């Protein structure tokens, strides 16, 4: 659905095609711990999703991070390579079916007290839409 899923310190919206849902990766839920995220601490992210088409080697994501209106990161990530480097619980090719992926990352303590917008547009190896997420993370919360 296209409703914003919000908690105290962050929120996300599925910006893919909703009705009918046609993106090959359908995000069902994202849970973070601690909530809200805290600079200098480990952040554990649990994502539940359903994959409706096999995700092949070569799938990629364009990620943009903004602080206010200022773009502070714009990078393309190889999804399969990132999963391998992170020792993720899934690997390419990702077969059809439901998945729960849990990943822990260390947040730098230098993260400024600010609100960040993160846009993730993922694509198949054939440049077709894979998934789309818009996230807002607010490090101004206590």
Protein backbone atom coordinates (compact mmCIF):
# COMPACT_ATOMS: atom_id res chain seq x y z
CA UNK A 1 0.00 0.00 0.00
CA UNK A 2 1.05 3.59 -0.46
CA UNK A 3 0.42 4.68 3.11
CA UNK A 4 3.35 6.04 5.03
CA UNK A 5 4.46 3.59 7.71
CA UNK A 6 5.62 5.77 10.58
CA UNK A 7 7.21 5.36 13.96
CA UNK A 8 8.72 7.96 16.24
CA UNK A 9 12.04 8.44 14.45
CA UNK A 10 11.57 7.20 10.90
CA UNK A 11 9.03 6.29 8.23
CA UNK A 12 8.84 4.65 4.84
CA UNK A 13 6.55 4.67 1.84
CA UNK A 14 6.46 2.09 -0.96
CA UNK A 15 6.67 4.29 -4.04
CA UNK A 16 6.31 1.42 -6.51
CA UNK A 17 3.17 0.67 -8.51
CA UNK A 18 0.58 -0.26 -5.89
CA UNK A 19 -2.64 -1.28 -7.65
CA UNK A 20 -2.10 -3.88 -8.82
CA UNK A 21 1.30 -4.39 -7.17
CA UNK A 22 3.63 -5.09 -10.09
CA UNK A 23 7.11 -4.56 -8.63
CA UNK A 24 8.89 -7.92 -8.32
CA UNK A 25 9.84 -7.14 -4.71
CA UNK A 26 6.87 -6.24 -2.51
CA UNK A 27 7.87 -4.85 0.91
CA UNK A 28 5.46 -6.02 3.62
CA UNK A 29 7.14 -4.44 6.63
CA UNK A 30 10.33 -2.83 7.89
CA UNK A 31 11.18 -2.84 11.60
CA UNK A 32 14.22 -1.15 13.13
CA UNK A 33 15.77 -1.63 16.55
CA UNK A 34 16.39 0.55 18.42
CA UNK A 35 13.44 2.67 17.35
CA UNK A 36 14.22 5.50 16.84
CA UNK A 37 17.73 4.81 15.47
CA UNK A 38 20.57 6.28 17.52
CA UNK A 39 23.91 7.57 16.17
CA UNK A 40 26.85 5.56 17.49
CA UNK A 41 24.77 2.41 18.07
CA UNK A 42 24.13 -0.74 16.09
CA UNK A 43 20.90 -0.62 14.10
CA UNK A 44 19.13 -3.89 13.35
CA UNK A 45 16.75 -3.75 10.39
CA UNK A 46 14.21 -6.52 9.73
CA UNK A 47 12.58 -6.47 6.30
CA UNK A 48 9.72 -8.76 5.31
CA UNK A 49 9.08 -8.96 1.59
CA UNK A 50 7.61 -11.16 -1.10
CA UNK A 51 9.59 -11.75 -4.28
CA UNK A 52 7.35 -12.42 -7.31
CA UNK A 53 10.09 -12.73 -9.96
CA UNK A 54 13.58 -14.19 -9.67
CA UNK A 55 16.14 -11.48 -8.85
CA UNK A 56 19.21 -12.16 -11.00
CA UNK A 57 22.85 -11.10 -10.75
CA UNK A 58 23.14 -7.57 -12.08
CA UNK A 59 20.14 -6.15 -10.21
CA UNK A 60 21.01 -2.72 -8.83
CA UNK A 61 19.68 0.12 -6.71
CA UNK A 62 20.05 3.86 -7.13
CA UNK A 63 20.18 5.42 -3.66
CA UNK A 64 19.90 9.15 -2.98
CA UNK A 65 20.28 10.65 0.50
CA UNK A 66 19.20 14.23 1.12
CA UNK A 67 19.64 16.46 4.14
CA UNK A 68 16.85 18.98 3.65
CA UNK A 69 17.13 19.93 -0.03
CA UNK A 70 20.84 19.14 -0.20
CA UNK A 71 21.85 15.87 -1.85
CA UNK A 72 24.64 14.35 0.27
CA UNK A 73 24.86 10.94 -1.44
CA UNK A 74 23.87 9.58 -4.81
CA UNK A 75 25.20 6.12 -5.53
CA UNK A 76 24.37 2.98 -7.48
CA UNK A 77 24.74 -0.28 -5.59
CA UNK A 78 24.97 -3.80 -7.04
CA UNK A 79 22.29 -5.53 -4.95
CA UNK A 80 23.77 -9.03 -5.22
CA UNK A 81 27.31 -7.85 -4.45
CA UNK A 82 26.11 -5.83 -1.45
CA UNK A 83 24.23 -8.88 -0.12
CA UNK A 84 27.40 -10.98 -0.46
CA UNK A 85 29.60 -8.35 1.22
CA UNK A 86 27.14 -8.04 4.12
CA UNK A 87 26.86 -11.83 4.55
CA UNK A 88 23.11 -11.38 4.13
CA UNK A 89 20.80 -14.33 4.63
CA UNK A 90 19.78 -14.25 0.95
CA UNK A 91 21.89 -14.44 -2.17
CA UNK A 92 21.37 -14.11 -5.90
CA UNK A 93 19.60 -15.46 -7.74
CA UNK A 94 16.78 -14.77 -5.27
CA UNK A 95 13.95 -17.17 -5.98
CA UNK A 96 10.24 -16.34 -5.76
CA UNK A 97 8.69 -16.48 -2.32
CA UNK A 98 8.41 -14.76 1.07
CA UNK A 99 11.58 -13.57 2.80
CA UNK A 100 12.56 -12.08 6.12
CA UNK A 101 16.00 -10.46 6.08
CA UNK A 102 17.64 -9.24 9.29
CA UNK A 103 20.72 -7.03 8.96
CA UNK A 104 22.68 -5.11 11.58
CA UNK A 105 24.73 -2.04 10.72
CA UNK A 106 26.82 0.25 12.92
CA UNK A 107 25.62 3.84 12.73
CA UNK A 108 28.44 6.41 12.95
CA UNK A 109 28.25 8.58 16.06
CA UNK A 110 29.04 11.58 13.84
CA UNK A 111 25.57 11.52 12.22
CA UNK A 112 24.24 15.07 12.63
CA UNK A 113 20.99 15.74 14.47
CA UNK A 114 18.90 16.22 11.34
CA UNK A 115 16.17 14.66 9.22
CA UNK A 116 17.39 12.61 6.25
CA UNK A 117 15.39 11.57 3.19
CA UNK A 118 16.52 8.36 1.50
CA UNK A 119 15.14 7.35 -1.90
CA UNK A 120 15.81 3.80 -3.11
CA UNK A 121 14.94 2.86 -6.69
CA UNK A 122 15.89 -0.72 -7.52
CA UNK A 123 15.99 -2.27 -10.97
CA UNK A 124 16.40 -5.70 -12.54
CA UNK A 125 19.39 -6.62 -14.67
CA UNK A 126 17.15 -5.66 -17.63
CA UNK A 127 16.50 -2.16 -16.16
CA UNK A 128 12.88 -2.98 -15.26
CA UNK A 129 11.46 -1.72 -11.95
CA UNK A 130 12.31 -4.01 -9.03
CA UNK A 131 11.13 -1.92 -6.05
CA UNK A 132 10.90 1.65 -4.84
CA UNK A 133 11.11 2.98 -1.28
CA UNK A 134 11.14 6.48 0.18
CA UNK A 135 12.46 6.64 3.74
CA UNK A 136 12.72 9.46 6.23
CA UNK A 137 15.04 9.08 9.22
CA UNK A 138 14.90 11.74 11.91
CA UNK A 139 18.01 11.91 14.11
CA UNK A 140 16.66 15.03 15.85
CA UNK A 141 14.56 12.82 18.15
CA UNK A 142 15.95 12.02 21.59
